[in-house]
Amino acid sequence: MAEEESTEEESQPKEKKSSNMLMIIIIVVLVLIIVIGGIVAVLLMGSDEQDATAPAPQVKEKSMSNSSQNNSSHSNNMSSRNLKDIGILYPLDTFTVNLKSDSGRRYLKATLSLELEGDELSLELDAKTAVLRDRIIRILSSKTLEEISSKKGKSKVEHQIMDTLNSMISDGKIKGIYFTEFVIQ
């Protein structure tokens, strides 16, 4: 009998040790998963913030085209302008386009307003609304989700639309584009 009691006492500490060790391993694995998940989330979310906070590269070559120089100065002007400095806004109807993708299941719903340089331009835009909408639809539908989901991508689309529309008009120019709605699904 004494021998049976001693074997039972020896087996209980072994079971407790193995269950404690198993709990420690499980806790360590869970902590590692949480830490790795946090690092991945920071890296994925940090790319947009880095684009927004990174200083603009200095243009050192004079052989750059005027449009790229205008784009960089335009983005600097847009971010530092006050509301009282913004000109006449010409609102456009909502655009709903399919984004370029393999599955074709993503779409963009965007509403934008054009900042005009002068009053006379609004009359020309009224007459050419169908052409303007067509050009904007073509530009938006040629973009992928990755191209327009970041701040830098939206800025590129903005400049592309502005350059395209400015090349079509003759009574002035478009100084800025403002998205009032931008939904991707």
N, C-alpha and C. Protein backbone atom coordinates (compact mmCIF):
# COMPACT_ATOMS: atom_id res chain seq x y z
N MET A 1 0.80 -1.18 0.00
CA MET A 1 0.00 0.00 0.00
C MET A 1 0.85 1.26 0.00
N ALA A 2 1.88 1.22 0.78
CA ALA A 2 2.76 2.37 0.83
C ALA A 2 3.41 2.60 -0.53
N GLU A 3 3.68 1.53 -1.23
CA GLU A 3 4.30 1.67 -2.55
C GLU A 3 3.32 2.30 -3.54
N GLU A 4 2.02 1.95 -3.45
CA GLU A 4 1.00 2.49 -4.36
C GLU A 4 0.85 3.99 -4.13
N GLU A 5 0.86 4.43 -2.88
CA GLU A 5 0.71 5.85 -2.58
C GLU A 5 1.89 6.64 -3.12
N SER A 6 3.08 6.11 -3.04
CA SER A 6 4.25 6.83 -3.51
C SER A 6 4.25 6.95 -5.04
N THR A 7 3.75 5.95 -5.75
CA THR A 7 3.71 6.04 -7.22
C THR A 7 2.65 7.02 -7.66
N GLU A 8 1.53 7.14 -6.93
CA GLU A 8 0.49 8.11 -7.26
C GLU A 8 1.00 9.53 -7.03
N GLU A 9 1.75 9.73 -5.96
CA GLU A 9 2.29 11.05 -5.66
C GLU A 9 3.31 11.48 -6.72
N GLU A 10 4.10 10.53 -7.23
CA GLU A 10 5.10 10.85 -8.24
C GLU A 10 4.44 11.17 -9.57
N SER A 11 3.35 10.52 -9.92
CA SER A 11 2.69 10.74 -11.21
C SER A 11 1.96 12.07 -11.23
N GLN A 12 1.41 12.52 -10.10
CA GLN A 12 0.70 13.80 -10.08
C GLN A 12 1.62 14.99 -10.35
N PRO A 13 2.80 15.09 -9.75
CA PRO A 13 3.68 16.21 -10.09
C PRO A 13 4.11 16.18 -11.56
N LYS A 14 4.30 15.01 -12.13
CA LYS A 14 4.68 14.92 -13.54
C LYS A 14 3.55 15.45 -14.42
N GLU A 15 2.31 15.11 -14.09
CA GLU A 15 1.16 15.59 -14.86
C GLU A 15 1.05 17.11 -14.71
N LYS A 16 1.25 17.61 -13.50
CA LYS A 16 1.17 19.06 -13.28
C LYS A 16 2.28 19.77 -14.05
N LYS A 17 3.49 19.20 -14.03
CA LYS A 17 4.60 19.81 -14.74
C LYS A 17 4.35 19.84 -16.24
N SER A 18 3.82 18.74 -16.78
CA SER A 18 3.59 18.69 -18.22
C SER A 18 2.44 19.62 -18.62
N SER A 19 1.39 19.73 -17.79
CA SER A 19 0.29 20.64 -18.12
C SER A 19 0.72 22.09 -17.97
N ASN A 20 1.56 22.40 -16.96
CA ASN A 20 2.10 23.75 -16.81
C ASN A 20 3.00 24.11 -18.00
N MET A 21 3.81 23.17 -18.44
CA MET A 21 4.70 23.40 -19.57
C MET A 21 3.88 23.62 -20.85
N LEU A 22 2.83 22.88 -21.03
CA LEU A 22 1.96 23.03 -22.19
C LEU A 22 1.29 24.40 -22.19
N MET A 23 0.84 24.86 -21.03
CA MET A 23 0.23 26.19 -20.91
C MET A 23 1.25 27.28 -21.24
N ILE A 24 2.46 27.14 -20.79
CA ILE A 24 3.51 28.12 -21.08
C ILE A 24 3.79 28.18 -22.58
N ILE A 25 3.87 27.02 -23.21
CA ILE A 25 4.11 26.98 -24.66
C ILE A 25 2.97 27.66 -25.42
N ILE A 26 1.74 27.38 -25.03
CA ILE A 26 0.57 27.98 -25.69
C ILE A 26 0.60 29.49 -25.52
N ILE A 27 0.90 29.97 -24.33
CA ILE A 27 0.95 31.41 -24.07
C ILE A 27 2.05 32.08 -24.91
N VAL A 28 3.21 31.45 -24.99
CA VAL A 28 4.32 32.00 -25.77
C VAL A 28 3.94 32.08 -27.25
N VAL A 29 3.33 31.04 -27.76
CA VAL A 29 2.91 31.03 -29.17
C VAL A 29 1.88 32.13 -29.43
N LEU A 30 0.91 32.29 -28.55
CA LEU A 30 -0.10 33.34 -28.73
C LEU A 30 0.52 34.73 -28.69
N VAL A 31 1.45 34.96 -27.78
CA VAL A 31 2.12 36.25 -27.70
C VAL A 31 2.90 36.53 -28.98
N LEU A 32 3.59 35.52 -29.51
CA LEU A 32 4.33 35.69 -30.76
C LEU A 32 3.39 36.02 -31.92
N ILE A 33 2.26 35.36 -31.99
CA ILE A 33 1.29 35.63 -33.05
C ILE A 33 0.78 37.06 -32.96
N ILE A 34 0.50 37.51 -31.76
CA ILE A 34 0.01 38.89 -31.57
C ILE A 34 1.08 39.90 -31.96
N VAL A 35 2.31 39.66 -31.57
CA VAL A 35 3.40 40.58 -31.88
C VAL A 35 3.64 40.63 -33.40
N ILE A 36 3.67 39.48 -34.04
CA ILE A 36 3.87 39.44 -35.49
C ILE A 36 2.71 40.12 -36.20
N GLY A 37 1.49 39.88 -35.76
CA GLY A 37 0.33 40.54 -36.35
C GLY A 37 0.40 42.05 -36.21
N GLY A 38 0.84 42.52 -35.05
CA GLY A 38 0.98 43.96 -34.84
C GLY A 38 2.03 44.56 -35.76
N ILE A 39 3.15 43.88 -35.93
CA ILE A 39 4.21 44.37 -36.81
C ILE A 39 3.71 44.44 -38.26
N VAL A 40 3.02 43.40 -38.71
CA VAL A 40 2.49 43.39 -40.07
C VAL A 40 1.48 44.53 -40.25
N ALA A 41 0.62 44.75 -39.29
CA ALA A 41 -0.37 45.83 -39.38
C ALA A 41 0.31 47.19 -39.46
N VAL A 42 1.33 47.41 -38.66
CA VAL A 42 2.05 48.69 -38.68
C VAL A 42 2.73 48.88 -40.04
N LEU A 43 3.33 47.84 -40.57
CA LEU A 43 3.99 47.96 -41.87
C LEU A 43 3.00 48.25 -42.99
N LEU A 44 1.86 47.59 -42.98
CA LEU A 44 0.87 47.81 -44.02
C LEU A 44 0.24 49.19 -43.92
N MET A 45 -0.05 49.64 -42.73
CA MET A 45 -0.68 50.95 -42.54
C MET A 45 0.35 52.07 -42.62
N GLY A 46 1.57 51.79 -42.33
CA GLY A 46 2.61 52.80 -42.32
C GLY A 46 3.02 53.28 -43.70
N SER A 47 2.78 52.50 -44.76
CA SER A 47 3.22 52.91 -46.08
C SER A 47 2.50 54.16 -46.56
N ASP A 48 1.20 54.31 -46.29
CA ASP A 48 0.47 55.52 -46.68
C ASP A 48 0.93 56.72 -45.88
N GLU A 49 1.16 56.53 -44.59
CA GLU A 49 1.60 57.64 -43.74
C GLU A 49 2.99 58.10 -44.12
N GLN A 50 3.86 57.17 -44.51
CA GLN A 50 5.20 57.54 -44.92
C GLN A 50 5.16 58.36 -46.20
N ASP A 51 4.28 57.99 -47.14
CA ASP A 51 4.14 58.76 -48.37
C ASP A 51 3.68 60.16 -48.07
N ALA A 52 2.78 60.32 -47.11
CA ALA A 52 2.23 61.63 -46.80
C ALA A 52 3.22 62.49 -46.02
N THR A 53 4.02 61.88 -45.14
CA THR A 53 4.91 62.66 -44.30
C THR A 53 6.31 62.80 -44.88
N ALA A 54 6.65 62.01 -45.90
CA ALA A 54 7.98 62.10 -46.48
C ALA A 54 8.13 63.42 -47.22
N PRO A 55 9.27 64.08 -47.06
CA PRO A 55 9.45 65.34 -47.77
C PRO A 55 9.54 65.08 -49.27
N ALA A 56 9.04 66.01 -50.04
CA ALA A 56 9.07 65.88 -51.49
C ALA A 56 10.52 65.93 -51.97
N PRO A 57 10.88 65.05 -52.91
CA PRO A 57 12.25 65.07 -53.40
C PRO A 57 12.52 66.36 -54.17
N GLN A 58 13.72 66.88 -54.00
CA GLN A 58 14.10 68.12 -54.66
C GLN A 58 14.41 67.83 -56.12
N VAL A 59 13.91 68.66 -57.01
CA VAL A 59 14.17 68.52 -58.43
C VAL A 59 15.49 69.21 -58.72
N LYS A 60 16.49 68.44 -59.13
CA LYS A 60 17.81 69.00 -59.40
C LYS A 60 18.09 69.10 -60.89
N GLU A 61 17.38 68.29 -61.70
CA GLU A 61 17.61 68.33 -63.13
C GLU A 61 16.69 69.35 -63.76
N LYS A 62 17.25 70.15 -64.67
CA LYS A 62 16.44 71.14 -65.35
C LYS A 62 15.79 70.56 -66.59
N SER A 63 16.10 69.33 -66.95
CA SER A 63 15.54 68.73 -68.14
C SER A 63 14.18 68.08 -67.89
N MET A 64 13.66 68.21 -66.67
CA MET A 64 12.34 67.67 -66.35
C MET A 64 11.29 68.43 -67.12
N SER A 65 10.19 67.75 -67.48
CA SER A 65 9.13 68.41 -68.24
C SER A 65 8.37 69.40 -67.37
N ASN A 66 7.72 70.35 -68.00
CA ASN A 66 6.97 71.37 -67.26
C ASN A 66 5.82 70.77 -66.48
N SER A 67 5.20 69.72 -67.01
CA SER A 67 4.03 69.16 -66.31
C SER A 67 4.43 68.55 -64.98
N SER A 68 5.59 67.91 -64.90
CA SER A 68 5.99 67.34 -63.61
C SER A 68 6.37 68.44 -62.63
N GLN A 69 6.96 69.54 -63.12
CA GLN A 69 7.28 70.65 -62.24
C GLN A 69 6.01 71.34 -61.79
N ASN A 70 5.04 71.48 -62.68
CA ASN A 70 3.77 72.08 -62.30
C ASN A 70 3.03 71.21 -61.30
N ASN A 71 3.12 69.89 -61.44
CA ASN A 71 2.44 68.99 -60.53
C ASN A 71 3.00 69.12 -59.12
N SER A 72 4.33 69.21 -58.98
CA SER A 72 4.89 69.29 -57.63
C SER A 72 4.58 70.65 -57.02
N SER A 73 4.63 71.71 -57.82
CA SER A 73 4.30 73.02 -57.26
C SER A 73 2.81 73.12 -56.98
N HIS A 74 2.00 72.45 -57.79
CA HIS A 74 0.55 72.46 -57.57
C HIS A 74 0.20 71.77 -56.26
N SER A 75 0.83 70.64 -55.97
CA SER A 75 0.50 69.93 -54.74
C SER A 75 0.95 70.74 -53.52
N ASN A 76 2.06 71.44 -53.63
CA ASN A 76 2.50 72.30 -52.52
C ASN A 76 1.54 73.46 -52.34
N ASN A 77 1.08 74.05 -53.45
CA ASN A 77 0.14 75.16 -53.37
C ASN A 77 -1.20 74.71 -52.80
N MET A 78 -1.66 73.52 -53.19
CA MET A 78 -2.96 73.02 -52.75
C MET A 78 -2.97 72.82 -51.24
N SER A 79 -1.89 72.32 -50.68
CA SER A 79 -1.89 72.01 -49.25
C SER A 79 -1.73 73.26 -48.39
N SER A 80 -1.14 74.33 -48.93
CA SER A 80 -0.89 75.51 -48.12
C SER A 80 -1.87 76.65 -48.37
N ARG A 81 -2.89 76.43 -49.20
CA ARG A 81 -3.83 77.49 -49.53
C ARG A 81 -4.92 77.60 -48.47
N ASN A 82 -5.36 78.82 -48.25
CA ASN A 82 -6.47 79.07 -47.34
C ASN A 82 -7.79 78.97 -48.10
N LEU A 83 -8.88 78.81 -47.36
CA LEU A 83 -10.19 78.71 -48.00
C LEU A 83 -10.55 79.98 -48.77
N LYS A 84 -10.12 81.13 -48.27
CA LYS A 84 -10.48 82.38 -48.94
C LYS A 84 -9.74 82.53 -50.28
N ASP A 85 -8.65 81.79 -50.47
CA ASP A 85 -7.88 81.86 -51.71
C ASP A 85 -8.41 80.94 -52.80
N ILE A 86 -9.33 80.06 -52.46
CA ILE A 86 -9.86 79.11 -53.44
C ILE A 86 -10.86 79.81 -54.33
N GLY A 87 -10.72 79.57 -55.63
CA GLY A 87 -11.56 80.25 -56.62
C GLY A 87 -12.95 79.62 -56.72
N ILE A 88 -13.59 79.87 -57.85
CA ILE A 88 -14.94 79.38 -58.12
C ILE A 88 -14.89 77.87 -58.29
N LEU A 89 -15.82 77.19 -57.64
CA LEU A 89 -15.90 75.73 -57.75
C LEU A 89 -17.02 75.35 -58.71
N TYR A 90 -16.72 74.39 -59.57
CA TYR A 90 -17.67 73.89 -60.55
C TYR A 90 -17.94 72.43 -60.20
N PRO A 91 -19.08 72.13 -59.55
CA PRO A 91 -19.34 70.75 -59.12
C PRO A 91 -19.76 69.88 -60.30
N LEU A 92 -19.31 68.64 -60.28
CA LEU A 92 -19.70 67.65 -61.28
C LEU A 92 -20.55 66.58 -60.61
N ASP A 93 -21.36 65.91 -61.40
CA ASP A 93 -22.18 64.83 -60.87
C ASP A 93 -21.30 63.67 -60.42
N THR A 94 -21.89 62.74 -59.69
CA THR A 94 -21.18 61.58 -59.17
C THR A 94 -20.77 60.64 -60.30
N PHE A 95 -19.55 60.13 -60.19
CA PHE A 95 -19.03 59.14 -61.14
C PHE A 95 -19.02 57.79 -60.45
N THR A 96 -19.57 56.78 -61.11
CA THR A 96 -19.50 55.41 -60.60
C THR A 96 -18.89 54.57 -61.71
N VAL A 97 -17.67 54.05 -61.46
CA VAL A 97 -16.94 53.30 -62.49
C VAL A 97 -16.40 52.01 -61.90
N ASN A 98 -16.27 51.01 -62.77
CA ASN A 98 -15.59 49.78 -62.39
C ASN A 98 -14.10 50.03 -62.43
N LEU A 99 -13.41 49.56 -61.41
CA LEU A 99 -11.95 49.70 -61.40
C LEU A 99 -11.35 48.57 -62.22
N LYS A 100 -10.18 48.83 -62.75
CA LYS A 100 -9.47 47.85 -63.56
C LYS A 100 -8.96 46.74 -62.63
N SER A 101 -9.44 45.51 -62.85
CA SER A 101 -8.98 44.38 -62.04
C SER A 101 -9.27 43.09 -62.77
N ASP A 102 -8.68 42.01 -62.29
CA ASP A 102 -8.89 40.70 -62.91
C ASP A 102 -10.30 40.20 -62.69
N SER A 103 -10.82 40.41 -61.49
CA SER A 103 -12.15 39.91 -61.17
C SER A 103 -13.26 40.86 -61.59
N GLY A 104 -12.95 42.15 -61.72
CA GLY A 104 -13.95 43.13 -62.13
C GLY A 104 -15.00 43.40 -61.08
N ARG A 105 -14.71 43.15 -59.84
CA ARG A 105 -15.71 43.29 -58.78
C ARG A 105 -15.52 44.53 -57.93
N ARG A 106 -14.57 45.35 -58.24
CA ARG A 106 -14.34 46.58 -57.47
C ARG A 106 -14.87 47.76 -58.26
N TYR A 107 -15.48 48.68 -57.55
CA TYR A 107 -15.89 49.91 -58.23
C TYR A 107 -15.62 51.12 -57.36
N LEU A 108 -15.58 52.26 -58.02
CA LEU A 108 -15.29 53.53 -57.38
C LEU A 108 -16.47 54.45 -57.59
N LYS A 109 -16.90 55.07 -56.52
CA LYS A 109 -17.94 56.09 -56.58
C LYS A 109 -17.28 57.39 -56.11
N ALA A 110 -17.19 58.36 -57.01
CA ALA A 110 -16.49 59.60 -56.69
C ALA A 110 -17.29 60.80 -57.18
N THR A 111 -17.29 61.82 -56.36
CA THR A 111 -17.88 63.10 -56.73
C THR A 111 -16.76 64.12 -56.61
N LEU A 112 -16.64 65.00 -57.60
CA LEU A 112 -15.57 65.97 -57.54
C LEU A 112 -16.04 67.34 -58.02
N SER A 113 -15.29 68.34 -57.60
CA SER A 113 -15.53 69.71 -58.01
C SER A 113 -14.24 70.26 -58.60
N LEU A 114 -14.39 71.07 -59.62
CA LEU A 114 -13.25 71.68 -60.29
C LEU A 114 -13.10 73.12 -59.82
N GLU A 115 -11.89 73.53 -59.50
CA GLU A 115 -11.63 74.92 -59.15
C GLU A 115 -11.24 75.65 -60.42
N LEU A 116 -12.02 76.67 -60.77
CA LEU A 116 -11.82 77.39 -62.02
C LEU A 116 -11.01 78.66 -61.81
N GLU A 117 -10.28 79.04 -62.85
CA GLU A 117 -9.48 80.26 -62.78
C GLU A 117 -10.32 81.50 -63.04
N GLY A 118 -11.37 81.40 -63.85
CA GLY A 118 -12.20 82.56 -64.15
C GLY A 118 -13.66 82.19 -64.35
N ASP A 119 -14.53 83.22 -64.34
CA ASP A 119 -15.96 82.99 -64.50
C ASP A 119 -16.32 82.46 -65.89
N GLU A 120 -15.63 82.95 -66.92
CA GLU A 120 -15.98 82.59 -68.30
C GLU A 120 -15.77 81.10 -68.57
N LEU A 121 -14.94 80.44 -67.79
CA LEU A 121 -14.67 79.02 -67.99
C LEU A 121 -15.89 78.16 -67.69
N SER A 122 -16.73 78.58 -66.76
CA SER A 122 -17.90 77.77 -66.41
C SER A 122 -18.86 77.64 -67.59
N LEU A 123 -18.95 78.65 -68.44
CA LEU A 123 -19.81 78.56 -69.63
C LEU A 123 -19.27 77.52 -70.61
N GLU A 124 -17.96 77.49 -70.79
CA GLU A 124 -17.36 76.50 -71.68
C GLU A 124 -17.55 75.09 -71.11
N LEU A 125 -17.39 74.94 -69.80
CA LEU A 125 -17.56 73.63 -69.17
C LEU A 125 -19.01 73.16 -69.28
N ASP A 126 -19.97 74.08 -69.15
CA ASP A 126 -21.38 73.72 -69.32
C ASP A 126 -21.62 73.14 -70.71
N ALA A 127 -21.00 73.74 -71.71
CA ALA A 127 -21.19 73.29 -73.09
C ALA A 127 -20.49 71.95 -73.35
N LYS A 128 -19.44 71.65 -72.61
CA LYS A 128 -18.64 70.44 -72.86
C LYS A 128 -18.76 69.41 -71.74
N THR A 129 -19.85 69.44 -71.00
CA THR A 129 -20.01 68.54 -69.85
C THR A 129 -19.89 67.07 -70.23
N ALA A 130 -20.51 66.69 -71.33
CA ALA A 130 -20.47 65.28 -71.75
C ALA A 130 -19.05 64.83 -72.04
N VAL A 131 -18.27 65.68 -72.70
CA VAL A 131 -16.89 65.34 -73.03
C VAL A 131 -16.04 65.27 -71.76
N LEU A 132 -16.24 66.21 -70.84
CA LEU A 132 -15.51 66.20 -69.57
C LEU A 132 -15.79 64.92 -68.79
N ARG A 133 -17.06 64.57 -68.69
CA ARG A 133 -17.44 63.36 -67.95
C ARG A 133 -16.82 62.12 -68.59
N ASP A 134 -16.83 62.07 -69.93
CA ASP A 134 -16.25 60.94 -70.64
C ASP A 134 -14.76 60.79 -70.32
N ARG A 135 -14.03 61.88 -70.36
CA ARG A 135 -12.58 61.83 -70.08
C ARG A 135 -12.32 61.40 -68.64
N ILE A 136 -13.10 61.92 -67.72
CA ILE A 136 -12.89 61.57 -66.31
C ILE A 136 -13.23 60.10 -66.08
N ILE A 137 -14.31 59.62 -66.68
CA ILE A 137 -14.68 58.21 -66.55
C ILE A 137 -13.58 57.31 -67.10
N ARG A 138 -13.03 57.68 -68.24
CA ARG A 138 -11.96 56.87 -68.84
C ARG A 138 -10.72 56.84 -67.93
N ILE A 139 -10.39 57.95 -67.33
CA ILE A 139 -9.22 58.00 -66.44
C ILE A 139 -9.47 57.16 -65.19
N LEU A 140 -10.64 57.36 -64.56
CA LEU A 140 -10.93 56.62 -63.31
C LEU A 140 -11.03 55.13 -63.55
N SER A 141 -11.65 54.72 -64.65
CA SER A 141 -11.83 53.28 -64.90
C SER A 141 -10.54 52.59 -65.34
N SER A 142 -9.52 53.36 -65.69
CA SER A 142 -8.23 52.75 -66.07
C SER A 142 -7.35 52.47 -64.86
N LYS A 143 -7.80 52.84 -63.68
CA LYS A 143 -6.99 52.69 -62.46
C LYS A 143 -7.34 51.40 -61.72
N THR A 144 -6.34 50.86 -61.03
CA THR A 144 -6.57 49.69 -60.18
C THR A 144 -6.78 50.15 -58.75
N LEU A 145 -7.23 49.25 -57.92
CA LEU A 145 -7.45 49.56 -56.51
C LEU A 145 -6.14 50.03 -55.86
N GLU A 146 -5.05 49.39 -56.18
CA GLU A 146 -3.76 49.74 -55.58
C GLU A 146 -3.32 51.14 -55.98
N GLU A 147 -3.65 51.54 -57.22
CA GLU A 147 -3.22 52.85 -57.72
C GLU A 147 -3.94 54.00 -57.02
N ILE A 148 -5.18 53.80 -56.62
CA ILE A 148 -5.96 54.93 -56.09
C ILE A 148 -6.24 54.84 -54.60
N SER A 149 -5.79 53.79 -53.94
CA SER A 149 -6.12 53.65 -52.53
C SER A 149 -5.22 54.48 -51.61
N SER A 150 -4.06 54.88 -52.09
CA SER A 150 -3.17 55.68 -51.24
C SER A 150 -3.35 57.17 -51.53
N LYS A 151 -2.84 57.99 -50.65
CA LYS A 151 -2.92 59.44 -50.82
C LYS A 151 -2.14 59.87 -52.06
N LYS A 152 -0.99 59.25 -52.26
CA LYS A 152 -0.16 59.56 -53.41
C LYS A 152 -0.88 59.17 -54.70
N GLY A 153 -1.58 58.05 -54.69
CA GLY A 153 -2.32 57.61 -55.87
C GLY A 153 -3.46 58.55 -56.21
N LYS A 154 -4.17 59.03 -55.19
CA LYS A 154 -5.26 59.99 -55.42
C LYS A 154 -4.70 61.28 -56.01
N SER A 155 -3.55 61.69 -55.54
CA SER A 155 -2.92 62.90 -56.05
C SER A 155 -2.54 62.73 -57.52
N LYS A 156 -2.03 61.56 -57.90
CA LYS A 156 -1.69 61.30 -59.29
C LYS A 156 -2.92 61.35 -60.18
N VAL A 157 -4.02 60.75 -59.71
CA VAL A 157 -5.26 60.78 -60.49
C VAL A 157 -5.74 62.21 -60.64
N GLU A 158 -5.66 62.97 -59.57
CA GLU A 158 -6.05 64.38 -59.58
C GLU A 158 -5.28 65.14 -60.65
N HIS A 159 -3.97 64.96 -60.69
CA HIS A 159 -3.14 65.67 -61.66
C HIS A 159 -3.43 65.20 -63.09
N GLN A 160 -3.67 63.90 -63.25
CA GLN A 160 -3.96 63.38 -64.58
C GLN A 160 -5.27 63.96 -65.11
N ILE A 161 -6.28 64.01 -64.26
CA ILE A 161 -7.56 64.60 -64.67
C ILE A 161 -7.39 66.07 -65.00
N MET A 162 -6.68 66.79 -64.16
CA MET A 162 -6.49 68.22 -64.37
C MET A 162 -5.73 68.50 -65.67
N ASP A 163 -4.66 67.75 -65.93
CA ASP A 163 -3.89 67.94 -67.16
C ASP A 163 -4.74 67.63 -68.39
N THR A 164 -5.52 66.55 -68.32
CA THR A 164 -6.36 66.18 -69.46
C THR A 164 -7.42 67.24 -69.73
N LEU A 165 -8.09 67.71 -68.69
CA LEU A 165 -9.14 68.71 -68.89
C LEU A 165 -8.56 70.05 -69.32
N ASN A 166 -7.43 70.44 -68.78
CA ASN A 166 -6.82 71.71 -69.16
C ASN A 166 -6.39 71.71 -70.63
N SER A 167 -6.01 70.55 -71.16
CA SER A 167 -5.62 70.48 -72.57
C SER A 167 -6.83 70.62 -73.50
N MET A 168 -8.03 70.43 -72.98
CA MET A 168 -9.26 70.49 -73.79
C MET A 168 -9.93 71.86 -73.78
N ILE A 169 -9.66 72.68 -72.80
CA ILE A 169 -10.40 73.93 -72.66
C ILE A 169 -9.57 75.11 -73.17
N SER A 170 -10.29 76.19 -73.52
CA SER A 170 -9.59 77.33 -74.11
C SER A 170 -9.85 78.65 -73.38
N ASP A 171 -10.89 78.75 -72.56
CA ASP A 171 -11.26 80.01 -71.92
C ASP A 171 -10.65 80.22 -70.54
N GLY A 172 -9.66 79.48 -70.17
CA GLY A 172 -9.06 79.60 -68.85
C GLY A 172 -8.38 78.29 -68.50
N LYS A 173 -8.29 78.03 -67.21
CA LYS A 173 -7.72 76.75 -66.81
C LYS A 173 -8.29 76.31 -65.47
N ILE A 174 -8.15 75.01 -65.21
CA ILE A 174 -8.60 74.42 -63.95
C ILE A 174 -7.41 74.46 -63.00
N LYS A 175 -7.59 75.09 -61.85
CA LYS A 175 -6.50 75.25 -60.88
C LYS A 175 -6.43 74.11 -59.87
N GLY A 176 -7.54 73.44 -59.66
CA GLY A 176 -7.54 72.37 -58.67
C GLY A 176 -8.72 71.44 -58.83
N ILE A 177 -8.59 70.26 -58.27
CA ILE A 177 -9.67 69.28 -58.26
C ILE A 177 -9.86 68.83 -56.82
N TYR A 178 -11.10 68.83 -56.39
CA TYR A 178 -11.43 68.44 -55.02
C TYR A 178 -12.43 67.30 -55.04
N PHE A 179 -12.05 66.18 -54.40
CA PHE A 179 -12.96 65.04 -54.27
C PHE A 179 -13.87 65.30 -53.08
N THR A 180 -15.16 65.32 -53.32
CA THR A 180 -16.12 65.51 -52.22
C THR A 180 -16.69 64.18 -51.77
N GLU A 181 -16.50 63.16 -52.57
CA GLU A 181 -16.90 61.79 -52.21
C GLU A 181 -15.94 60.85 -52.92
N PHE A 182 -15.48 59.83 -52.21
CA PHE A 182 -14.52 58.89 -52.77
C PHE A 182 -14.70 57.55 -52.06
N VAL A 183 -15.51 56.66 -52.65
CA VAL A 183 -15.85 55.39 -52.01
C VAL A 183 -15.41 54.27 -52.93
N ILE A 184 -14.66 53.33 -52.39
CA ILE A 184 -14.22 52.15 -53.13
C ILE A 184 -14.87 50.92 -52.51
N GLN A 185 -15.48 50.11 -53.35
CA GLN A 185 -16.06 48.85 -52.86
C GLN A 185 -15.64 47.72 -53.74
